[in-house]
Amino acid sequence: MNRVFRFARFSVVCALSAAACQLSAAHAAPLLRMFPAGSLQGQAAFGAWPQLQVNCVDYTLGPGVRVLDATQRALLTGQLPGLHGRIVFQRDAQGNVFRVWFVAPTDPSLRTVPVAPSSCLFGNA
């Protein structure tokens, strides 16, 4: 009998804590992502492999590049040509881009990421 009572009490506590987590998640502010130091942001256009243009500046995608979409799913390199959007990216010591995150233009995390250099004639693309 004692074992059944403990299990019932444990079940109630778990249910109450799950409900509290759901309530706190519903009222929580949007989660701010932390991008690594040295990351830059910009408007990107992927060309033929391994070309990437960010704010009208050409970059090369490095070997083993990792590209994540807005839902944090990995994109294959065959899916990249023709994609456009707002990104945050990192470069290695040779200047090749080795990590790319697609983000929404209204993402509050972008406030902490510097904008990549631009050579566009009329501002950023």
Protein backbone atom coordinates (compact mmCIF):
# COMPACT_ATOMS: atom_id res chain seq x y z
CA MET A 1 0.00 0.00 0.00
CA ASN A 2 2.82 2.36 0.86
CA ARG A 3 4.44 1.80 -2.56
CA VAL A 4 1.19 2.67 -4.38
CA PHE A 5 0.81 5.86 -2.34
CA ARG A 6 4.39 6.96 -3.20
CA PHE A 7 3.81 6.32 -6.89
CA ALA A 8 0.56 8.32 -6.85
CA ARG A 9 2.24 11.20 -5.02
CA PHE A 10 5.16 11.10 -7.48
CA SER A 11 2.74 11.19 -10.43
CA VAL A 12 0.94 14.23 -9.04
CA VAL A 13 4.20 16.09 -8.44
CA CYS A 14 5.38 15.33 -11.98
CA ALA A 15 2.08 16.52 -13.46
CA LEU A 16 2.19 19.76 -11.46
CA SER A 17 5.80 20.50 -12.44
CA ALA A 18 5.02 19.83 -16.11
CA ALA A 19 2.08 22.23 -15.94
CA ALA A 20 4.27 24.88 -14.30
CA CYS A 21 6.88 24.49 -17.05
CA GLN A 22 4.24 24.95 -19.73
CA LEU A 23 2.90 28.09 -18.09
CA SER A 24 6.34 29.62 -17.69
CA ALA A 25 7.24 28.76 -21.30
CA ALA A 26 4.05 30.39 -22.58
CA HIS A 27 4.89 33.70 -20.88
CA ALA A 28 8.64 33.65 -21.46
CA ALA A 29 10.40 36.11 -23.72
CA PRO A 30 11.81 34.81 -27.02
CA LEU A 31 14.99 32.85 -26.55
CA LEU A 32 18.12 34.80 -27.50
CA ARG A 33 20.69 32.70 -29.30
CA MET A 34 24.33 33.29 -28.58
CA PHE A 35 26.50 33.22 -31.68
CA PRO A 36 30.25 32.56 -31.35
CA ALA A 37 32.72 35.44 -31.21
CA GLY A 38 33.81 36.60 -34.64
CA SER A 39 30.43 35.95 -36.26
CA LEU A 40 29.09 38.41 -38.82
CA GLN A 41 25.61 38.93 -40.23
CA GLY A 42 24.35 39.97 -43.63
CA GLN A 43 22.06 39.39 -46.56
CA ALA A 44 23.30 36.30 -48.43
CA ALA A 45 22.92 34.83 -51.88
CA PHE A 46 24.36 31.38 -52.54
CA GLY A 47 25.73 30.83 -56.03
CA ALA A 48 27.32 27.80 -57.69
CA TRP A 49 29.42 25.78 -55.27
CA PRO A 50 31.52 27.14 -53.44
CA GLN A 51 30.47 30.77 -53.98
CA LEU A 52 28.60 32.86 -51.41
CA GLN A 53 27.84 36.55 -51.64
CA VAL A 54 27.09 38.50 -48.44
CA ASN A 55 26.29 42.21 -48.69
CA CYS A 56 27.72 42.27 -52.25
CA VAL A 57 31.06 40.82 -51.09
CA ASP A 58 32.13 37.42 -52.47
CA TYR A 59 33.18 34.67 -50.06
CA THR A 60 34.17 31.03 -50.59
CA LEU A 61 32.58 28.18 -48.69
CA GLY A 62 35.25 26.07 -47.04
CA PRO A 63 35.49 22.29 -46.99
CA GLY A 64 33.16 20.80 -44.41
CA VAL A 65 30.95 23.88 -44.25
CA ARG A 66 27.95 23.49 -41.95
CA VAL A 67 24.78 25.33 -42.96
CA LEU A 68 21.75 25.38 -40.65
CA ASP A 69 18.31 26.67 -41.63
CA ALA A 70 16.05 28.74 -39.36
CA THR A 71 14.81 25.61 -37.57
CA GLN A 72 18.40 24.41 -36.92
CA ARG A 73 18.28 21.61 -39.52
CA ALA A 74 21.40 20.96 -41.57
CA LEU A 75 21.23 21.79 -45.27
CA LEU A 76 23.13 19.76 -47.83
CA THR A 77 25.52 21.56 -50.15
CA GLY A 78 23.37 20.57 -53.12
CA GLN A 79 20.47 22.56 -51.65
CA LEU A 80 22.44 25.81 -51.36
CA PRO A 81 22.64 27.22 -54.93
CA GLY A 82 19.94 29.83 -55.39
CA LEU A 83 19.14 30.32 -51.68
CA HIS A 84 18.77 33.89 -50.41
CA GLY A 85 18.21 35.18 -46.91
CA ARG A 86 19.55 36.74 -43.75
CA ILE A 87 22.47 34.78 -42.29
CA VAL A 88 25.02 34.79 -39.52
CA PHE A 89 28.34 33.27 -40.56
CA GLN A 90 31.88 32.52 -39.39
CA ARG A 91 35.14 32.47 -41.35
CA ASP A 92 38.28 30.42 -40.73
CA ALA A 93 41.90 31.61 -40.79
CA GLN A 94 42.07 31.34 -44.61
CA GLY A 95 38.93 33.47 -45.00
CA ASN A 96 36.65 30.59 -46.03
CA VAL A 97 33.16 30.46 -44.56
CA PHE A 98 32.85 27.33 -42.43
CA ARG A 99 29.61 27.85 -40.50
CA VAL A 100 26.32 29.49 -41.58
CA TRP A 101 23.03 30.02 -39.73
CA PHE A 102 19.90 31.23 -41.53
CA VAL A 103 17.95 33.60 -39.27
CA ALA A 104 14.80 35.66 -39.48
CA PRO A 105 15.46 39.36 -40.16
CA THR A 106 13.51 40.23 -36.99
CA ASP A 107 15.45 37.82 -34.74
CA PRO A 108 16.37 39.73 -31.54
CA SER A 109 19.68 37.81 -31.37
CA LEU A 110 20.97 39.82 -34.34
CA ARG A 111 21.41 42.93 -32.19
CA THR A 112 24.64 41.51 -30.75
CA VAL A 113 26.16 40.36 -34.08
CA PRO A 114 28.15 42.90 -36.15
CA VAL A 115 27.19 43.46 -39.79
CA ALA A 116 29.58 42.14 -42.44
CA PRO A 117 31.38 44.66 -44.66
CA SER A 118 29.40 45.85 -47.66
CA SER A 119 30.40 46.91 -51.16
CA CYS A 120 26.85 47.43 -52.42
CA LEU A 121 26.28 50.61 -54.37
CA PHE A 122 23.06 51.50 -52.55
CA GLY A 123 23.48 49.97 -49.07
CA ASN A 124 23.04 46.34 -48.16
CA ALA A 125 21.32 44.06 -50.64
